[in-house]
Amino acid sequence: MSRLVFAVIGLGLVAIVAIGLMQREGGDAPPAQTISTTEAQERLAGAPPALAALHEQANELLPGGMDAFEARLEELRGHPVVVNGWASWCGPCQAEFPFLQKAALELGKEVAFLGLDTEDNDDDASGFLERFPVTYPSYTLPRIPSGTDLGVVRGLPFTAFYDAKGELQYLHQGGYASQEQLDADIRRYAIGADA
C-alpha cells in the first residue's frame, strides 16, 4: 500500500513539474506595460469611431452585465473583436495580461478589445487594472451565463475571437503563454476570419 501512495505522490510531482514547464514554454510573461495614457492616446489616434469610443473608456469597469456587453458587441459590428475574460484573483490572467496590453496598443486601430471581469469584486478588479492598465474597458459579470456564446467557458482566463460580422470564431480556454501565440490567434480568428 505504501508503494502505491509513493507512486501516486511521485506521479503528482512529475505532473506539476510538467505543467509548469509547459506553461513556461514560449517564455515568461513580460512585465506590465508602463506606457502613459497620453502616449497610448497618441498611438491610437485616428481609430474608427467605434474603436475610439472604447479607447475613451480605457481601464474602466462598466456595469450592465451580459446585456450591456452583448449590446456593445452589436455596436462593434464591422470590426473584429477580441474579448478576454479575467479576474483579479486569477494567476494565469495576471501572467497573460501584458500580452493583451501590447496587442491592444498595437492593433487597437483595427481590432476592438473588450474585457469581461467575472467572479470578482470591483475594488480588487480596479486594483488589478491599476497594475495592468489596458486601452479598453471591461464589463463586470458575477458569472458567465449559460445559453450565450460564452456559456461553455470552463474557468479563467479565456479569450474569445469574433469576426467583423459579430460571429464567434474561436474560444481559447486558459492563458496565453506568449505574445506570439496571442498575436497568431488574433490574426487567424479575428482579422483573418474576414479575409
N, C-alpha and C. Protein backbone atom coordinates (compact mmCIF):
# COMPACT_ATOMS: atom_id res chain seq x y z
N MET A 1 0.81 -1.19 0.00
CA MET A 1 0.00 0.00 0.00
C MET A 1 0.86 1.26 0.00
N SER A 2 1.96 1.27 0.80
CA SER A 2 2.80 2.47 0.86
C SER A 2 3.51 2.72 -0.46
N ARG A 3 3.84 1.68 -1.22
CA ARG A 3 4.44 1.87 -2.54
C ARG A 3 3.47 2.58 -3.47
N LEU A 4 2.21 2.21 -3.38
CA LEU A 4 1.19 2.84 -4.21
C LEU A 4 1.07 4.33 -3.87
N VAL A 5 1.08 4.65 -2.58
CA VAL A 5 1.00 6.04 -2.15
C VAL A 5 2.19 6.83 -2.68
N PHE A 6 3.42 6.26 -2.54
CA PHE A 6 4.61 6.96 -3.03
C PHE A 6 4.57 7.09 -4.55
N ALA A 7 4.06 6.09 -5.24
CA ALA A 7 3.96 6.16 -6.69
C ALA A 7 3.00 7.27 -7.11
N VAL A 8 1.86 7.38 -6.44
CA VAL A 8 0.88 8.42 -6.75
C VAL A 8 1.48 9.80 -6.46
N ILE A 9 2.15 9.94 -5.34
CA ILE A 9 2.79 11.23 -5.00
C ILE A 9 3.85 11.57 -6.03
N GLY A 10 4.65 10.58 -6.42
CA GLY A 10 5.68 10.80 -7.43
C GLY A 10 5.10 11.23 -8.77
N LEU A 11 4.04 10.57 -9.19
CA LEU A 11 3.38 10.95 -10.44
C LEU A 11 2.79 12.35 -10.34
N GLY A 12 2.26 12.68 -9.18
CA GLY A 12 1.71 14.02 -8.98
C GLY A 12 2.78 15.09 -9.12
N LEU A 13 3.95 14.85 -8.53
CA LEU A 13 5.05 15.81 -8.64
C LEU A 13 5.53 15.94 -10.08
N VAL A 14 5.63 14.83 -10.78
CA VAL A 14 6.03 14.87 -12.19
C VAL A 14 5.02 15.68 -12.99
N ALA A 15 3.73 15.48 -12.72
CA ALA A 15 2.69 16.23 -13.43
C ALA A 15 2.80 17.72 -13.15
N ILE A 16 3.04 18.09 -11.89
CA ILE A 16 3.17 19.51 -11.54
C ILE A 16 4.36 20.14 -12.26
N VAL A 17 5.49 19.46 -12.27
CA VAL A 17 6.68 19.98 -12.97
C VAL A 17 6.40 20.09 -14.47
N ALA A 18 5.77 19.07 -15.05
CA ALA A 18 5.48 19.09 -16.49
C ALA A 18 4.54 20.23 -16.85
N ILE A 19 3.50 20.44 -16.04
CA ILE A 19 2.57 21.54 -16.30
C ILE A 19 3.30 22.87 -16.19
N GLY A 20 4.13 23.02 -15.18
CA GLY A 20 4.90 24.26 -15.02
C GLY A 20 5.80 24.52 -16.21
N LEU A 21 6.46 23.48 -16.70
CA LEU A 21 7.33 23.66 -17.87
C LEU A 21 6.53 24.00 -19.11
N MET A 22 5.38 23.38 -19.30
CA MET A 22 4.54 23.69 -20.46
C MET A 22 4.05 25.13 -20.39
N GLN A 23 3.70 25.60 -19.20
CA GLN A 23 3.24 26.97 -19.06
C GLN A 23 4.35 27.96 -19.32
N ARG A 24 5.60 27.58 -19.05
CA ARG A 24 6.73 28.46 -19.30
C ARG A 24 7.15 28.46 -20.76
N GLU A 25 6.73 27.42 -21.51
CA GLU A 25 7.11 27.33 -22.91
C GLU A 25 6.69 28.61 -23.61
N GLY A 26 7.58 29.15 -24.39
CA GLY A 26 7.28 30.41 -25.05
C GLY A 26 7.77 31.59 -24.24
N GLY A 27 8.32 31.36 -23.07
CA GLY A 27 8.92 32.44 -22.29
C GLY A 27 8.01 32.94 -21.19
N ASP A 28 8.62 33.63 -20.27
CA ASP A 28 7.86 34.23 -19.18
C ASP A 28 7.11 35.43 -19.70
N ALA A 29 6.04 35.75 -19.04
CA ALA A 29 5.29 36.94 -19.41
C ALA A 29 6.15 38.17 -19.16
N PRO A 30 6.09 39.14 -20.05
CA PRO A 30 6.84 40.37 -19.83
C PRO A 30 6.19 41.16 -18.71
N PRO A 31 6.91 42.14 -18.17
CA PRO A 31 6.28 42.98 -17.15
C PRO A 31 5.14 43.78 -17.77
N ALA A 32 4.24 44.23 -16.92
CA ALA A 32 3.12 45.04 -17.38
C ALA A 32 3.64 46.28 -18.10
N GLN A 33 2.88 46.71 -19.11
CA GLN A 33 3.24 47.91 -19.86
C GLN A 33 3.17 49.13 -18.94
N THR A 34 4.08 50.04 -19.13
CA THR A 34 4.08 51.26 -18.33
C THR A 34 3.89 52.49 -19.21
N ILE A 35 3.28 52.31 -20.36
CA ILE A 35 3.05 53.42 -21.28
C ILE A 35 2.08 54.42 -20.64
N SER A 36 2.32 55.70 -20.88
CA SER A 36 1.45 56.72 -20.32
C SER A 36 0.14 56.79 -21.09
N THR A 37 -0.88 57.33 -20.44
CA THR A 37 -2.17 57.50 -21.09
C THR A 37 -2.03 58.38 -22.32
N THR A 38 -1.23 59.43 -22.22
CA THR A 38 -1.03 60.34 -23.34
C THR A 38 -0.40 59.63 -24.52
N GLU A 39 0.64 58.83 -24.25
CA GLU A 39 1.30 58.10 -25.33
C GLU A 39 0.35 57.09 -25.97
N ALA A 40 -0.44 56.42 -25.16
CA ALA A 40 -1.41 55.45 -25.69
C ALA A 40 -2.43 56.16 -26.57
N GLN A 41 -2.92 57.32 -26.13
CA GLN A 41 -3.88 58.09 -26.93
C GLN A 41 -3.27 58.53 -28.26
N GLU A 42 -2.00 58.94 -28.23
CA GLU A 42 -1.33 59.36 -29.46
C GLU A 42 -1.19 58.19 -30.43
N ARG A 43 -0.83 57.02 -29.92
CA ARG A 43 -0.65 55.85 -30.78
C ARG A 43 -1.97 55.36 -31.37
N LEU A 44 -3.07 55.58 -30.67
CA LEU A 44 -4.37 55.10 -31.13
C LEU A 44 -5.20 56.19 -31.80
N ALA A 45 -4.65 57.38 -31.93
CA ALA A 45 -5.36 58.48 -32.59
C ALA A 45 -5.70 58.08 -34.02
N GLY A 46 -6.87 58.46 -34.46
CA GLY A 46 -7.29 58.14 -35.81
C GLY A 46 -8.03 56.82 -35.93
N ALA A 47 -8.29 56.16 -34.80
CA ALA A 47 -9.05 54.90 -34.83
C ALA A 47 -10.48 55.20 -35.27
N PRO A 48 -11.15 54.24 -35.93
CA PRO A 48 -12.56 54.44 -36.29
C PRO A 48 -13.39 54.79 -35.05
N PRO A 49 -14.49 55.51 -35.22
CA PRO A 49 -15.27 55.98 -34.06
C PRO A 49 -15.64 54.90 -33.04
N ALA A 50 -16.07 53.72 -33.47
CA ALA A 50 -16.46 52.68 -32.52
C ALA A 50 -15.27 52.22 -31.68
N LEU A 51 -14.08 52.18 -32.28
CA LEU A 51 -12.88 51.78 -31.54
C LEU A 51 -12.38 52.92 -30.67
N ALA A 52 -12.49 54.15 -31.18
CA ALA A 52 -12.09 55.32 -30.39
C ALA A 52 -12.95 55.41 -29.12
N ALA A 53 -14.23 55.05 -29.22
CA ALA A 53 -15.11 55.07 -28.05
C ALA A 53 -14.63 54.09 -26.98
N LEU A 54 -14.10 52.95 -27.41
CA LEU A 54 -13.52 52.00 -26.45
C LEU A 54 -12.30 52.61 -25.77
N HIS A 55 -11.44 53.26 -26.55
CA HIS A 55 -10.22 53.84 -26.00
C HIS A 55 -10.54 54.95 -24.99
N GLU A 56 -11.65 55.65 -25.22
CA GLU A 56 -12.06 56.69 -24.26
C GLU A 56 -12.46 56.09 -22.91
N GLN A 57 -12.83 54.82 -22.91
CA GLN A 57 -13.22 54.14 -21.68
C GLN A 57 -12.11 53.22 -21.18
N ALA A 58 -10.89 53.49 -21.60
CA ALA A 58 -9.74 52.66 -21.23
C ALA A 58 -9.71 52.42 -19.72
N ASN A 59 -9.51 51.15 -19.38
CA ASN A 59 -9.30 50.75 -17.98
C ASN A 59 -10.53 50.88 -17.09
N GLU A 60 -11.69 51.19 -17.65
CA GLU A 60 -12.90 51.34 -16.84
C GLU A 60 -13.58 49.99 -16.64
N LEU A 61 -14.23 49.85 -15.50
CA LEU A 61 -15.12 48.73 -15.24
C LEU A 61 -16.53 49.22 -15.51
N LEU A 62 -17.20 48.59 -16.46
CA LEU A 62 -18.53 49.04 -16.87
C LEU A 62 -19.60 48.13 -16.30
N PRO A 63 -20.69 48.71 -15.82
CA PRO A 63 -21.80 47.91 -15.30
C PRO A 63 -22.69 47.43 -16.44
N GLY A 64 -23.72 46.71 -16.08
CA GLY A 64 -24.71 46.31 -17.07
C GLY A 64 -24.70 44.84 -17.41
N GLY A 65 -23.65 44.14 -16.98
CA GLY A 65 -23.58 42.70 -17.17
C GLY A 65 -23.60 42.25 -18.61
N MET A 66 -24.14 41.07 -18.82
CA MET A 66 -24.12 40.43 -20.14
C MET A 66 -24.94 41.21 -21.16
N ASP A 67 -26.04 41.83 -20.74
CA ASP A 67 -26.86 42.61 -21.67
C ASP A 67 -26.06 43.78 -22.24
N ALA A 68 -25.36 44.50 -21.39
CA ALA A 68 -24.56 45.64 -21.85
C ALA A 68 -23.40 45.17 -22.72
N PHE A 69 -22.78 44.07 -22.33
CA PHE A 69 -21.68 43.51 -23.12
C PHE A 69 -22.17 43.11 -24.52
N GLU A 70 -23.29 42.39 -24.60
CA GLU A 70 -23.80 41.96 -25.90
C GLU A 70 -24.25 43.14 -26.75
N ALA A 71 -24.78 44.20 -26.13
CA ALA A 71 -25.15 45.41 -26.87
C ALA A 71 -23.89 46.06 -27.45
N ARG A 72 -22.81 46.04 -26.69
CA ARG A 72 -21.54 46.61 -27.18
C ARG A 72 -21.01 45.80 -28.35
N LEU A 73 -21.11 44.48 -28.27
CA LEU A 73 -20.69 43.65 -29.41
C LEU A 73 -21.46 44.03 -30.67
N GLU A 74 -22.75 44.28 -30.52
CA GLU A 74 -23.57 44.72 -31.66
C GLU A 74 -23.05 46.04 -32.23
N GLU A 75 -22.70 46.97 -31.35
CA GLU A 75 -22.19 48.27 -31.78
C GLU A 75 -20.87 48.13 -32.53
N LEU A 76 -20.13 47.07 -32.23
CA LEU A 76 -18.81 46.88 -32.83
C LEU A 76 -18.84 46.09 -34.13
N ARG A 77 -20.03 45.73 -34.61
CA ARG A 77 -20.11 45.03 -35.90
C ARG A 77 -19.40 45.86 -36.95
N GLY A 78 -18.68 45.16 -37.80
CA GLY A 78 -17.85 45.82 -38.80
C GLY A 78 -16.39 45.82 -38.40
N HIS A 79 -16.13 45.43 -37.14
CA HIS A 79 -14.75 45.34 -36.64
C HIS A 79 -14.55 43.97 -35.98
N PRO A 80 -13.38 43.36 -36.18
CA PRO A 80 -13.10 42.15 -35.41
C PRO A 80 -12.98 42.51 -33.93
N VAL A 81 -13.34 41.57 -33.06
CA VAL A 81 -13.35 41.83 -31.62
C VAL A 81 -12.63 40.70 -30.88
N VAL A 82 -11.77 41.09 -29.94
CA VAL A 82 -11.10 40.15 -29.04
C VAL A 82 -11.62 40.43 -27.64
N VAL A 83 -12.20 39.40 -27.00
CA VAL A 83 -12.76 39.54 -25.66
C VAL A 83 -11.96 38.65 -24.71
N ASN A 84 -11.45 39.26 -23.64
CA ASN A 84 -10.68 38.50 -22.66
C ASN A 84 -11.45 38.44 -21.35
N GLY A 85 -11.67 37.21 -20.86
CA GLY A 85 -12.30 37.00 -19.56
C GLY A 85 -11.23 36.87 -18.49
N TRP A 86 -11.37 37.62 -17.41
CA TRP A 86 -10.33 37.66 -16.39
C TRP A 86 -10.95 37.93 -15.01
N ALA A 87 -10.12 37.81 -14.00
CA ALA A 87 -10.46 38.19 -12.63
C ALA A 87 -9.16 38.55 -11.92
N SER A 88 -9.25 39.43 -10.94
CA SER A 88 -8.06 39.90 -10.24
C SER A 88 -7.34 38.78 -9.49
N TRP A 89 -8.07 37.78 -9.02
CA TRP A 89 -7.50 36.69 -8.23
C TRP A 89 -6.88 35.60 -9.10
N CYS A 90 -7.00 35.70 -10.40
CA CYS A 90 -6.60 34.65 -11.32
C CYS A 90 -5.13 34.80 -11.73
N GLY A 91 -4.27 33.90 -11.26
CA GLY A 91 -2.84 33.94 -11.58
C GLY A 91 -2.55 33.88 -13.08
N PRO A 92 -3.15 32.96 -13.83
CA PRO A 92 -2.90 32.93 -15.28
C PRO A 92 -3.38 34.20 -15.99
N CYS A 93 -4.42 34.86 -15.43
CA CYS A 93 -4.87 36.14 -16.01
C CYS A 93 -3.77 37.18 -15.87
N GLN A 94 -3.15 37.23 -14.69
CA GLN A 94 -2.07 38.18 -14.45
C GLN A 94 -0.90 37.90 -15.38
N ALA A 95 -0.61 36.62 -15.62
CA ALA A 95 0.54 36.26 -16.47
C ALA A 95 0.32 36.66 -17.92
N GLU A 96 -0.92 36.58 -18.42
CA GLU A 96 -1.16 36.88 -19.83
C GLU A 96 -1.52 38.35 -20.09
N PHE A 97 -1.87 39.11 -19.07
CA PHE A 97 -2.34 40.48 -19.28
C PHE A 97 -1.33 41.37 -20.02
N PRO A 98 -0.02 41.25 -19.77
CA PRO A 98 0.91 42.06 -20.55
C PRO A 98 0.82 41.79 -22.06
N PHE A 99 0.48 40.56 -22.44
CA PHE A 99 0.31 40.25 -23.87
C PHE A 99 -0.90 40.99 -24.43
N LEU A 100 -1.96 41.05 -23.66
CA LEU A 100 -3.17 41.76 -24.09
C LEU A 100 -2.92 43.26 -24.15
N GLN A 101 -2.17 43.78 -23.18
CA GLN A 101 -1.82 45.20 -23.19
C GLN A 101 -1.13 45.56 -24.50
N LYS A 102 -0.13 44.77 -24.86
CA LYS A 102 0.66 45.05 -26.05
C LYS A 102 -0.17 44.90 -27.32
N ALA A 103 -0.93 43.82 -27.42
CA ALA A 103 -1.75 43.59 -28.62
C ALA A 103 -2.77 44.70 -28.81
N ALA A 104 -3.43 45.12 -27.73
CA ALA A 104 -4.44 46.17 -27.83
C ALA A 104 -3.83 47.50 -28.24
N LEU A 105 -2.63 47.77 -27.80
CA LEU A 105 -1.96 49.01 -28.17
C LEU A 105 -1.52 48.98 -29.63
N GLU A 106 -1.03 47.82 -30.08
CA GLU A 106 -0.54 47.71 -31.45
C GLU A 106 -1.65 47.57 -32.48
N LEU A 107 -2.75 46.91 -32.11
CA LEU A 107 -3.81 46.61 -33.08
C LEU A 107 -5.10 47.38 -32.83
N GLY A 108 -5.09 48.28 -31.86
CA GLY A 108 -6.31 48.97 -31.44
C GLY A 108 -6.95 49.87 -32.46
N LYS A 109 -6.30 50.11 -33.60
CA LYS A 109 -6.92 50.91 -34.66
C LYS A 109 -7.71 50.05 -35.64
N GLU A 110 -7.54 48.71 -35.56
CA GLU A 110 -8.27 47.83 -36.47
C GLU A 110 -9.05 46.73 -35.76
N VAL A 111 -8.73 46.46 -34.51
CA VAL A 111 -9.39 45.40 -33.75
C VAL A 111 -9.94 46.00 -32.45
N ALA A 112 -11.18 45.64 -32.13
CA ALA A 112 -11.77 46.06 -30.86
C ALA A 112 -11.37 45.06 -29.78
N PHE A 113 -11.01 45.56 -28.62
CA PHE A 113 -10.70 44.72 -27.47
C PHE A 113 -11.68 45.06 -26.36
N LEU A 114 -12.15 44.03 -25.68
CA LEU A 114 -13.04 44.19 -24.53
C LEU A 114 -12.63 43.20 -23.46
N GLY A 115 -12.89 43.56 -22.21
CA GLY A 115 -12.66 42.65 -21.11
C GLY A 115 -13.97 42.25 -20.46
N LEU A 116 -13.97 41.08 -19.85
CA LEU A 116 -15.08 40.62 -19.01
C LEU A 116 -14.49 40.23 -17.66
N ASP A 117 -14.72 41.06 -16.66
CA ASP A 117 -14.26 40.75 -15.30
C ASP A 117 -15.37 39.97 -14.62
N THR A 118 -15.09 38.73 -14.28
CA THR A 118 -16.13 37.87 -13.74
C THR A 118 -15.69 37.20 -12.45
N GLU A 119 -16.67 36.91 -11.61
CA GLU A 119 -16.41 36.26 -10.32
C GLU A 119 -15.40 37.05 -9.50
N ASP A 120 -15.58 38.36 -9.47
CA ASP A 120 -14.61 39.27 -8.85
C ASP A 120 -15.38 40.34 -8.09
N ASN A 121 -14.65 41.17 -7.33
CA ASN A 121 -15.30 42.34 -6.75
C ASN A 121 -14.64 43.59 -7.35
N ASP A 122 -15.40 44.66 -7.40
CA ASP A 122 -14.95 45.86 -8.10
C ASP A 122 -13.67 46.47 -7.53
N ASP A 123 -13.51 46.45 -6.21
CA ASP A 123 -12.30 47.03 -5.62
C ASP A 123 -11.05 46.27 -6.06
N ASP A 124 -11.10 44.95 -5.98
CA ASP A 124 -9.96 44.15 -6.40
C ASP A 124 -9.71 44.29 -7.90
N ALA A 125 -10.79 44.32 -8.69
CA ALA A 125 -10.66 44.46 -10.14
C ALA A 125 -10.04 45.82 -10.49
N SER A 126 -10.46 46.87 -9.81
CA SER A 126 -9.88 48.20 -10.07
C SER A 126 -8.40 48.22 -9.73
N GLY A 127 -8.03 47.59 -8.63
CA GLY A 127 -6.62 47.49 -8.26
C GLY A 127 -5.81 46.73 -9.31
N PHE A 128 -6.39 45.66 -9.83
CA PHE A 128 -5.75 44.89 -10.88
C PHE A 128 -5.50 45.75 -12.11
N LEU A 129 -6.50 46.54 -12.51
CA LEU A 129 -6.35 47.40 -13.69
C LEU A 129 -5.38 48.55 -13.46
N GLU A 130 -5.17 48.93 -12.22
CA GLU A 130 -4.13 49.93 -11.93
C GLU A 130 -2.75 49.33 -12.19
N ARG A 131 -2.59 48.05 -11.86
CA ARG A 131 -1.31 47.36 -12.09
C ARG A 131 -1.12 46.97 -13.55
N PHE A 132 -2.23 46.66 -14.23
CA PHE A 132 -2.20 46.20 -15.62
C PHE A 132 -3.14 47.05 -16.47
N PRO A 133 -2.82 48.32 -16.68
CA PRO A 133 -3.74 49.18 -17.44
C PRO A 133 -3.87 48.74 -18.90
N VAL A 134 -5.08 48.84 -19.42
CA VAL A 134 -5.34 48.49 -20.81
C VAL A 134 -6.07 49.63 -21.51
N THR A 135 -6.08 49.58 -22.83
CA THR A 135 -6.65 50.66 -23.64
C THR A 135 -8.13 50.45 -23.93
N TYR A 136 -8.77 49.56 -23.19
CA TYR A 136 -10.16 49.22 -23.43
C TYR A 136 -10.87 48.98 -22.10
N PRO A 137 -12.21 49.01 -22.10
CA PRO A 137 -12.95 48.77 -20.86
C PRO A 137 -13.24 47.29 -20.64
N SER A 138 -13.69 46.98 -19.43
CA SER A 138 -14.14 45.63 -19.07
C SER A 138 -15.54 45.73 -18.48
N TYR A 139 -16.38 44.81 -18.87
CA TYR A 139 -17.70 44.70 -18.28
C TYR A 139 -17.63 43.77 -17.08
N THR A 140 -18.37 44.09 -16.04
CA THR A 140 -18.37 43.25 -14.84
C THR A 140 -19.54 42.29 -14.90
N LEU A 141 -19.25 41.03 -14.60
CA LEU A 141 -20.27 39.97 -14.59
C LEU A 141 -20.07 39.13 -13.34
N PRO A 142 -21.13 38.80 -12.62
CA PRO A 142 -20.96 37.90 -11.49
C PRO A 142 -20.50 36.52 -11.95
N ARG A 143 -21.00 36.10 -13.11
CA ARG A 143 -20.59 34.83 -13.72
C ARG A 143 -21.01 34.87 -15.18
N ILE A 144 -20.44 33.97 -15.97
CA ILE A 144 -20.80 33.88 -17.39
C ILE A 144 -22.07 33.04 -17.48
N PRO A 145 -23.16 33.61 -18.02
CA PRO A 145 -24.40 32.84 -18.08
C PRO A 145 -24.37 31.77 -19.18
N SER A 146 -24.99 30.64 -18.90
CA SER A 146 -25.12 29.62 -19.93
C SER A 146 -26.14 30.12 -20.95
N GLY A 147 -26.15 29.51 -22.10
CA GLY A 147 -27.07 29.94 -23.15
C GLY A 147 -26.55 31.10 -23.97
N THR A 148 -25.31 31.51 -23.75
CA THR A 148 -24.69 32.56 -24.55
C THR A 148 -23.51 31.95 -25.29
N ASP A 149 -22.92 32.73 -26.21
CA ASP A 149 -21.71 32.26 -26.92
C ASP A 149 -20.64 31.79 -25.94
N LEU A 150 -20.57 32.47 -24.81
CA LEU A 150 -19.51 32.19 -23.84
C LEU A 150 -19.96 31.23 -22.74
N GLY A 151 -21.16 30.69 -22.86
CA GLY A 151 -21.71 29.81 -21.84
C GLY A 151 -20.96 28.51 -21.65
N VAL A 152 -20.06 28.18 -22.58
CA VAL A 152 -19.29 26.93 -22.46
C VAL A 152 -17.94 27.15 -21.78
N VAL A 153 -17.68 28.35 -21.32
CA VAL A 153 -16.41 28.67 -20.68
C VAL A 153 -16.22 27.79 -19.45
N ARG A 154 -14.99 27.28 -19.32
CA ARG A 154 -14.65 26.41 -18.20
C ARG A 154 -13.51 27.01 -17.40
N GLY A 155 -13.73 28.14 -16.79
CA GLY A 155 -12.71 28.76 -15.96
C GLY A 155 -12.06 29.96 -16.62
N LEU A 156 -11.16 30.56 -15.87
CA LEU A 156 -10.47 31.77 -16.31
C LEU A 156 -8.98 31.50 -16.42
N PRO A 157 -8.33 32.24 -17.29
CA PRO A 157 -8.85 33.19 -18.27
C PRO A 157 -9.37 32.47 -19.51
N PHE A 158 -10.05 33.24 -20.34
CA PHE A 158 -10.44 32.77 -21.66
C PHE A 158 -10.37 33.96 -22.61
N THR A 159 -10.23 33.68 -23.88
CA THR A 159 -10.21 34.74 -24.89
C THR A 159 -11.09 34.30 -26.04
N ALA A 160 -12.06 35.15 -26.39
CA ALA A 160 -13.00 34.87 -27.48
C ALA A 160 -12.67 35.79 -28.65
N PHE A 161 -12.73 35.23 -29.84
CA PHE A 161 -12.42 35.96 -31.06
C PHE A 161 -13.66 36.02 -31.95
N TYR A 162 -14.12 37.24 -32.22
CA TYR A 162 -15.28 37.46 -33.07
C TYR A 162 -14.82 38.09 -34.39
N ASP A 163 -15.44 37.67 -35.49
CA ASP A 163 -15.12 38.30 -36.77
C ASP A 163 -15.90 39.61 -36.88
N ALA A 164 -15.69 40.32 -37.97
CA ALA A 164 -16.33 41.63 -38.14
C ALA A 164 -17.85 41.53 -38.28
N LYS A 165 -18.36 40.34 -38.56
CA LYS A 165 -19.82 40.14 -38.64
C LYS A 165 -20.41 39.88 -37.26
N GLY A 166 -19.57 39.79 -36.24
CA GLY A 166 -20.04 39.56 -34.89
C GLY A 166 -20.21 38.09 -34.55
N GLU A 167 -19.65 37.21 -35.37
CA GLU A 167 -19.78 35.77 -35.13
C GLU A 167 -18.54 35.25 -34.39
N LEU A 168 -18.81 34.47 -33.34
CA LEU A 168 -17.71 33.88 -32.58
C LEU A 168 -16.99 32.88 -33.47
N GLN A 169 -15.67 33.08 -33.62
CA GLN A 169 -14.86 32.21 -34.46
C GLN A 169 -14.07 31.19 -33.65
N TYR A 170 -13.66 31.58 -32.43
CA TYR A 170 -12.82 30.69 -31.64
C TYR A 170 -12.87 31.13 -30.18
N LEU A 171 -12.87 30.15 -29.28
CA LEU A 171 -12.83 30.41 -27.85
C LEU A 171 -11.62 29.69 -27.28
N HIS A 172 -10.62 30.47 -26.88
CA HIS A 172 -9.39 29.91 -26.30
C HIS A 172 -9.57 29.81 -24.79
N GLN A 173 -9.50 28.61 -24.26
CA GLN A 173 -9.60 28.37 -22.82
C GLN A 173 -8.20 28.39 -22.22
N GLY A 174 -8.03 29.08 -21.10
CA GLY A 174 -6.73 29.15 -20.44
C GLY A 174 -5.95 30.37 -20.89
N GLY A 175 -4.80 30.56 -20.24
CA GLY A 175 -3.97 31.72 -20.53
C GLY A 175 -3.05 31.49 -21.71
N TYR A 176 -2.63 32.57 -22.30
CA TYR A 176 -1.64 32.52 -23.38
C TYR A 176 -0.25 32.49 -22.76
N ALA A 177 0.61 31.65 -23.31
CA ALA A 177 1.97 31.50 -22.80
C ALA A 177 2.95 32.47 -23.45
N SER A 178 2.55 33.08 -24.59
CA SER A 178 3.47 34.01 -25.26
C SER A 178 2.69 35.03 -26.08
N GLN A 179 3.35 36.13 -26.35
CA GLN A 179 2.79 37.17 -27.20
C GLN A 179 2.53 36.62 -28.60
N GLU A 180 3.45 35.80 -29.08
CA GLU A 180 3.34 35.25 -30.43
C GLU A 180 2.08 34.39 -30.58
N GLN A 181 1.76 33.60 -29.55
CA GLN A 181 0.56 32.76 -29.63
C GLN A 181 -0.70 33.61 -29.68
N LEU A 182 -0.78 34.63 -28.83
CA LEU A 182 -1.95 35.51 -28.84
C LEU A 182 -2.07 36.23 -30.17
N ASP A 183 -0.97 36.82 -30.64
CA ASP A 183 -1.00 37.56 -31.90
C ASP A 183 -1.41 36.67 -33.06
N ALA A 184 -0.93 35.43 -33.08
CA ALA A 184 -1.28 34.50 -34.15
C ALA A 184 -2.78 34.20 -34.13
N ASP A 185 -3.36 34.01 -32.95
CA ASP A 185 -4.79 33.75 -32.87
C ASP A 185 -5.61 34.98 -33.26
N ILE A 186 -5.16 36.17 -32.90
CA ILE A 186 -5.87 37.39 -33.31
C ILE A 186 -5.89 37.47 -34.83
N ARG A 187 -4.74 37.24 -35.45
CA ARG A 187 -4.67 37.33 -36.92
C ARG A 187 -5.49 36.22 -37.58
N ARG A 188 -5.48 35.04 -37.01
CA ARG A 188 -6.19 33.91 -37.62
C ARG A 188 -7.70 33.99 -37.42
N TYR A 189 -8.13 34.25 -36.18
CA TYR A 189 -9.55 34.13 -35.87
C TYR A 189 -10.33 35.44 -35.87
N ALA A 190 -9.67 36.56 -35.71
CA ALA A 190 -10.38 37.85 -35.71
C ALA A 190 -10.15 38.58 -37.03
N ILE A 191 -8.91 38.94 -37.28
CA ILE A 191 -8.60 39.70 -38.50
C ILE A 191 -8.75 38.82 -39.74
N GLY A 192 -8.14 37.63 -39.72
CA GLY A 192 -8.13 36.76 -40.89
C GLY A 192 -9.45 36.09 -41.18
N ALA A 193 -10.37 36.08 -40.22
CA ALA A 193 -11.65 35.42 -40.44
C ALA A 193 -12.46 36.11 -41.51
N ASP A 194 -12.15 37.39 -41.76
CA ASP A 194 -12.89 38.16 -42.77
C ASP A 194 -12.16 38.26 -44.09
N ALA A 195 -10.94 37.74 -44.14
CA ALA A 195 -10.13 37.87 -45.35
C ALA A 195 -10.60 36.93 -46.44
